[in-house]
Amino acid sequence: MKKQLLRKLHLTIAPVVILPLLITVSTGVIYRISKDWFGLSRNQVHFLMVLHEGEYLGKILEPVYVLLNGLGLLWMLLTGGAMLFQHFQKAWKSNQSSKVEIADGK
């Protein structure tokens, strides 16, 4: 995939998925830390799981939220990973051509 197209697709989806992903990550981490480190009960931090899992959306939309959140994360990882791979590939080729120039005495 062309580098510009990949960046455009990544940039287009990023604003849509960033807030749900931030909510999921932060509520999950705060929930676990609150229970393990601060000794709060499950009932005291249940509201975090409501946010984490999208329960506030209702029975019908909750699985849709989870699915779209997961797909959004996979999309960002795949496109970001592909861009990173392209960057490393370009740097590696550049490094190889520098070695050839040094070996040739240029």
N, C-alpha and C. Protein backbone atom coordinates (compact mmCIF):
# COMPACT_ATOMS: atom_id res chain seq x y z
N MET A 1 0.85 -1.17 0.00
CA MET A 1 0.00 0.00 0.00
C MET A 1 0.90 1.24 0.00
N LYS A 2 0.52 2.23 -0.76
CA LYS A 2 1.33 3.44 -0.82
C LYS A 2 1.37 4.13 0.53
N LYS A 3 2.52 4.72 0.80
CA LYS A 3 2.75 5.37 2.10
C LYS A 3 1.74 6.48 2.36
N GLN A 4 1.45 7.31 1.36
CA GLN A 4 0.53 8.43 1.55
C GLN A 4 -0.89 7.95 1.83
N LEU A 5 -1.33 6.92 1.12
CA LEU A 5 -2.68 6.39 1.32
C LEU A 5 -2.81 5.78 2.71
N LEU A 6 -1.79 5.04 3.12
CA LEU A 6 -1.80 4.42 4.44
C LEU A 6 -1.90 5.48 5.54
N ARG A 7 -1.12 6.55 5.41
CA ARG A 7 -1.15 7.63 6.39
C ARG A 7 -2.53 8.31 6.41
N LYS A 8 -3.10 8.50 5.22
CA LYS A 8 -4.41 9.16 5.13
C LYS A 8 -5.49 8.30 5.79
N LEU A 9 -5.47 7.00 5.55
CA LEU A 9 -6.45 6.10 6.15
C LEU A 9 -6.29 6.06 7.67
N HIS A 10 -5.05 6.03 8.13
CA HIS A 10 -4.78 6.02 9.57
C HIS A 10 -5.27 7.32 10.22
N LEU A 11 -4.96 8.42 9.57
CA LEU A 11 -5.34 9.74 10.09
C LEU A 11 -6.85 9.96 10.06
N THR A 12 -7.53 9.37 9.10
CA THR A 12 -8.98 9.52 8.98
C THR A 12 -9.71 8.81 10.12
N ILE A 13 -9.25 7.63 10.47
CA ILE A 13 -9.92 6.83 11.49
C ILE A 13 -9.52 7.24 12.91
N ALA A 14 -8.31 7.76 13.09
CA ALA A 14 -7.79 8.07 14.42
C ALA A 14 -8.71 8.95 15.27
N PRO A 15 -9.25 10.04 14.74
CA PRO A 15 -10.11 10.88 15.60
C PRO A 15 -11.39 10.17 16.04
N VAL A 16 -11.84 9.21 15.27
CA VAL A 16 -13.07 8.49 15.60
C VAL A 16 -12.84 7.48 16.74
N VAL A 17 -11.68 6.84 16.73
CA VAL A 17 -11.44 5.76 17.70
C VAL A 17 -10.68 6.20 18.95
N ILE A 18 -10.11 7.38 18.95
CA ILE A 18 -9.25 7.75 20.08
C ILE A 18 -10.02 7.88 21.39
N LEU A 19 -11.17 8.51 21.39
CA LEU A 19 -11.91 8.69 22.64
C LEU A 19 -12.40 7.37 23.22
N PRO A 20 -13.05 6.50 22.43
CA PRO A 20 -13.46 5.20 23.00
C PRO A 20 -12.27 4.38 23.50
N LEU A 21 -11.16 4.42 22.78
CA LEU A 21 -9.99 3.66 23.23
C LEU A 21 -9.41 4.24 24.52
N LEU A 22 -9.35 5.55 24.62
CA LEU A 22 -8.86 6.18 25.85
C LEU A 22 -9.76 5.86 27.04
N ILE A 23 -11.06 5.87 26.82
CA ILE A 23 -12.00 5.53 27.89
C ILE A 23 -11.80 4.07 28.32
N THR A 24 -11.67 3.18 27.35
CA THR A 24 -11.50 1.76 27.65
C THR A 24 -10.22 1.51 28.41
N VAL A 25 -9.12 2.08 27.94
CA VAL A 25 -7.83 1.86 28.59
C VAL A 25 -7.82 2.46 29.99
N SER A 26 -8.23 3.71 30.10
CA SER A 26 -8.13 4.38 31.40
C SER A 26 -9.06 3.74 32.44
N THR A 27 -10.27 3.41 32.07
CA THR A 27 -11.18 2.80 33.04
C THR A 27 -10.72 1.40 33.43
N GLY A 28 -10.16 0.66 32.49
CA GLY A 28 -9.64 -0.67 32.81
C GLY A 28 -8.47 -0.61 33.78
N VAL A 29 -7.55 0.29 33.53
CA VAL A 29 -6.38 0.43 34.40
C VAL A 29 -6.79 0.95 35.78
N ILE A 30 -7.63 1.98 35.81
CA ILE A 30 -8.07 2.54 37.10
C ILE A 30 -8.84 1.49 37.90
N TYR A 31 -9.67 0.70 37.24
CA TYR A 31 -10.42 -0.36 37.92
C TYR A 31 -9.48 -1.34 38.60
N ARG A 32 -8.51 -1.83 37.83
CA ARG A 32 -7.59 -2.84 38.36
C ARG A 32 -6.73 -2.28 39.49
N ILE A 33 -6.21 -1.09 39.32
CA ILE A 33 -5.38 -0.47 40.35
C ILE A 33 -6.20 -0.17 41.60
N SER A 34 -7.42 0.30 41.41
CA SER A 34 -8.28 0.61 42.56
C SER A 34 -8.56 -0.63 43.39
N LYS A 35 -8.79 -1.75 42.73
CA LYS A 35 -9.06 -2.99 43.46
C LYS A 35 -7.80 -3.57 44.10
N ASP A 36 -6.72 -3.64 43.32
CA ASP A 36 -5.52 -4.32 43.80
C ASP A 36 -4.69 -3.48 44.77
N TRP A 37 -4.49 -2.23 44.47
CA TRP A 37 -3.60 -1.40 45.29
C TRP A 37 -4.33 -0.67 46.40
N PHE A 38 -5.54 -0.23 46.13
CA PHE A 38 -6.26 0.57 47.12
C PHE A 38 -7.32 -0.23 47.88
N GLY A 39 -7.48 -1.49 47.50
CA GLY A 39 -8.38 -2.38 48.24
C GLY A 39 -9.86 -2.05 48.13
N LEU A 40 -10.26 -1.35 47.09
CA LEU A 40 -11.68 -1.05 46.91
C LEU A 40 -12.42 -2.31 46.48
N SER A 41 -13.67 -2.39 46.87
CA SER A 41 -14.47 -3.56 46.51
C SER A 41 -14.97 -3.43 45.07
N ARG A 42 -15.42 -4.56 44.57
CA ARG A 42 -15.97 -4.60 43.21
C ARG A 42 -17.15 -3.64 43.07
N ASN A 43 -17.98 -3.58 44.09
CA ASN A 43 -19.14 -2.68 44.05
C ASN A 43 -18.75 -1.22 44.02
N GLN A 44 -17.65 -0.87 44.69
CA GLN A 44 -17.22 0.52 44.74
C GLN A 44 -16.72 1.02 43.39
N VAL A 45 -16.17 0.13 42.58
CA VAL A 45 -15.60 0.55 41.30
C VAL A 45 -16.36 0.00 40.09
N HIS A 46 -17.57 -0.52 40.35
CA HIS A 46 -18.35 -1.08 39.25
C HIS A 46 -18.67 -0.05 38.16
N PHE A 47 -18.83 1.21 38.55
CA PHE A 47 -19.12 2.25 37.55
C PHE A 47 -18.02 2.32 36.49
N LEU A 48 -16.78 1.98 36.87
CA LEU A 48 -15.69 1.97 35.88
C LEU A 48 -15.90 0.87 34.84
N MET A 49 -16.40 -0.28 35.29
CA MET A 49 -16.67 -1.36 34.35
C MET A 49 -17.85 -1.03 33.44
N VAL A 50 -18.79 -0.27 33.97
CA VAL A 50 -19.92 0.18 33.15
C VAL A 50 -19.39 1.03 31.99
N LEU A 51 -18.46 1.92 32.29
CA LEU A 51 -17.85 2.75 31.24
C LEU A 51 -16.94 1.91 30.34
N HIS A 52 -16.15 1.05 30.95
CA HIS A 52 -15.17 0.23 30.23
C HIS A 52 -15.83 -0.65 29.16
N GLU A 53 -16.94 -1.25 29.52
CA GLU A 53 -17.61 -2.19 28.62
C GLU A 53 -18.72 -1.57 27.79
N GLY A 54 -19.01 -0.30 28.02
CA GLY A 54 -20.07 0.36 27.27
C GLY A 54 -21.46 -0.05 27.69
N GLU A 55 -21.60 -0.51 28.92
CA GLU A 55 -22.92 -0.94 29.41
C GLU A 55 -23.95 0.18 29.40
N TYR A 56 -23.48 1.40 29.52
CA TYR A 56 -24.39 2.56 29.54
C TYR A 56 -25.13 2.72 28.22
N LEU A 57 -24.69 2.04 27.18
CA LEU A 57 -25.35 2.12 25.87
C LEU A 57 -26.56 1.20 25.75
N GLY A 58 -26.72 0.29 26.70
CA GLY A 58 -27.84 -0.64 26.66
C GLY A 58 -27.44 -1.99 26.09
N LYS A 59 -28.35 -2.93 26.22
CA LYS A 59 -28.07 -4.32 25.80
C LYS A 59 -27.81 -4.46 24.31
N ILE A 60 -28.46 -3.65 23.50
CA ILE A 60 -28.32 -3.78 22.05
C ILE A 60 -27.01 -3.17 21.56
N LEU A 61 -26.68 -2.00 22.04
CA LEU A 61 -25.49 -1.29 21.54
C LEU A 61 -24.18 -1.68 22.23
N GLU A 62 -24.26 -2.30 23.38
CA GLU A 62 -23.03 -2.68 24.09
C GLU A 62 -22.12 -3.59 23.26
N PRO A 63 -22.64 -4.67 22.66
CA PRO A 63 -21.75 -5.50 21.84
C PRO A 63 -21.23 -4.77 20.60
N VAL A 64 -22.02 -3.86 20.08
CA VAL A 64 -21.58 -3.08 18.92
C VAL A 64 -20.41 -2.19 19.32
N TYR A 65 -20.52 -1.55 20.49
CA TYR A 65 -19.45 -0.71 21.01
C TYR A 65 -18.17 -1.52 21.19
N VAL A 66 -18.28 -2.69 21.79
CA VAL A 66 -17.12 -3.53 22.03
C VAL A 66 -16.50 -3.97 20.70
N LEU A 67 -17.33 -4.37 19.75
CA LEU A 67 -16.84 -4.80 18.45
C LEU A 67 -16.14 -3.66 17.72
N LEU A 68 -16.78 -2.50 17.66
CA LEU A 68 -16.17 -1.37 16.96
C LEU A 68 -14.90 -0.88 17.67
N ASN A 69 -14.89 -0.94 18.97
CA ASN A 69 -13.71 -0.56 19.73
C ASN A 69 -12.55 -1.50 19.40
N GLY A 70 -12.82 -2.78 19.37
CA GLY A 70 -11.80 -3.77 19.03
C GLY A 70 -11.31 -3.63 17.60
N LEU A 71 -12.25 -3.44 16.68
CA LEU A 71 -11.86 -3.26 15.27
C LEU A 71 -11.07 -1.97 15.07
N GLY A 72 -11.47 -0.93 15.79
CA GLY A 72 -10.73 0.33 15.70
C GLY A 72 -9.31 0.18 16.20
N LEU A 73 -9.14 -0.54 17.30
CA LEU A 73 -7.80 -0.77 17.84
C LEU A 73 -6.97 -1.60 16.87
N LEU A 74 -7.55 -2.66 16.31
CA LEU A 74 -6.82 -3.47 15.34
C LEU A 74 -6.43 -2.64 14.11
N TRP A 75 -7.34 -1.81 13.64
CA TRP A 75 -7.06 -0.96 12.49
C TRP A 75 -5.87 -0.04 12.77
N MET A 76 -5.89 0.61 13.94
CA MET A 76 -4.81 1.53 14.28
C MET A 76 -3.49 0.79 14.44
N LEU A 77 -3.53 -0.39 15.03
CA LEU A 77 -2.31 -1.18 15.18
C LEU A 77 -1.76 -1.65 13.84
N LEU A 78 -2.64 -2.11 12.96
CA LEU A 78 -2.19 -2.60 11.66
C LEU A 78 -1.65 -1.48 10.78
N THR A 79 -2.39 -0.39 10.68
CA THR A 79 -1.91 0.70 9.83
C THR A 79 -0.68 1.38 10.44
N GLY A 80 -0.67 1.55 11.76
CA GLY A 80 0.51 2.12 12.42
C GLY A 80 1.71 1.21 12.28
N GLY A 81 1.49 -0.09 12.46
CA GLY A 81 2.58 -1.06 12.28
C GLY A 81 3.10 -1.08 10.85
N ALA A 82 2.20 -0.98 9.89
CA ALA A 82 2.63 -0.95 8.48
C ALA A 82 3.46 0.30 8.18
N MET A 83 3.04 1.43 8.74
CA MET A 83 3.82 2.65 8.55
C MET A 83 5.19 2.54 9.21
N LEU A 84 5.23 1.93 10.38
CA LEU A 84 6.49 1.74 11.08
C LEU A 84 7.40 0.80 10.29
N PHE A 85 6.82 -0.27 9.75
CA PHE A 85 7.57 -1.21 8.92
C PHE A 85 8.14 -0.50 7.70
N GLN A 86 7.34 0.34 7.04
CA GLN A 86 7.82 1.10 5.89
C GLN A 86 8.97 2.02 6.28
N HIS A 87 8.86 2.64 7.44
CA HIS A 87 9.91 3.54 7.91
C HIS A 87 11.22 2.76 8.13
N PHE A 88 11.13 1.62 8.82
CA PHE A 88 12.32 0.81 9.07
C PHE A 88 12.90 0.26 7.78
N GLN A 89 12.03 -0.11 6.85
CA GLN A 89 12.48 -0.63 5.57
C GLN A 89 13.25 0.44 4.80
N LYS A 90 12.72 1.65 4.80
CA LYS A 90 13.39 2.77 4.12
C LYS A 90 14.73 3.08 4.78
N ALA A 91 14.75 3.09 6.11
CA ALA A 91 16.00 3.36 6.84
C ALA A 91 17.02 2.26 6.59
N TRP A 92 16.56 1.01 6.52
CA TRP A 92 17.47 -0.10 6.28
C TRP A 92 18.07 -0.01 4.87
N LYS A 93 17.22 0.31 3.88
CA LYS A 93 17.72 0.47 2.50
C LYS A 93 18.71 1.62 2.41
N SER A 94 18.40 2.71 3.11
CA SER A 94 19.30 3.86 3.13
C SER A 94 20.64 3.49 3.76
N ASN A 95 20.58 2.71 4.82
CA ASN A 95 21.79 2.27 5.50
C ASN A 95 22.61 1.34 4.61
N GLN A 96 21.93 0.47 3.88
CA GLN A 96 22.62 -0.45 2.98
C GLN A 96 23.30 0.29 1.83
N SER A 97 22.63 1.31 1.29
CA SER A 97 23.23 2.08 0.20
C SER A 97 24.42 2.88 0.71
N SER A 98 24.40 3.32 1.96
CA SER A 98 25.54 4.03 2.54
C SER A 98 26.73 3.10 2.68
N LYS A 99 26.48 1.85 3.05
CA LYS A 99 27.56 0.88 3.18
C LYS A 99 28.19 0.58 1.83
N VAL A 100 27.36 0.52 0.78
CA VAL A 100 27.87 0.26 -0.56
C VAL A 100 28.74 1.42 -1.02
N GLU A 101 28.30 2.65 -0.74
CA GLU A 101 29.08 3.81 -1.13
C GLU A 101 30.40 3.85 -0.40
N ILE A 102 30.43 3.47 0.85
CA ILE A 102 31.68 3.44 1.62
C ILE A 102 32.59 2.36 1.07
N ALA A 103 32.01 1.19 0.76
CA ALA A 103 32.82 0.09 0.22
C ALA A 103 33.38 0.43 -1.14
N ASP A 104 32.64 1.20 -1.94
CA ASP A 104 33.11 1.59 -3.27
C ASP A 104 34.12 2.73 -3.20
N GLY A 105 34.26 3.33 -2.04
CA GLY A 105 35.20 4.44 -1.88
C GLY A 105 34.63 5.77 -2.28
N LYS A 106 33.33 5.91 -2.32
CA LYS A 106 32.71 7.17 -2.71
C LYS A 106 32.45 8.02 -1.52
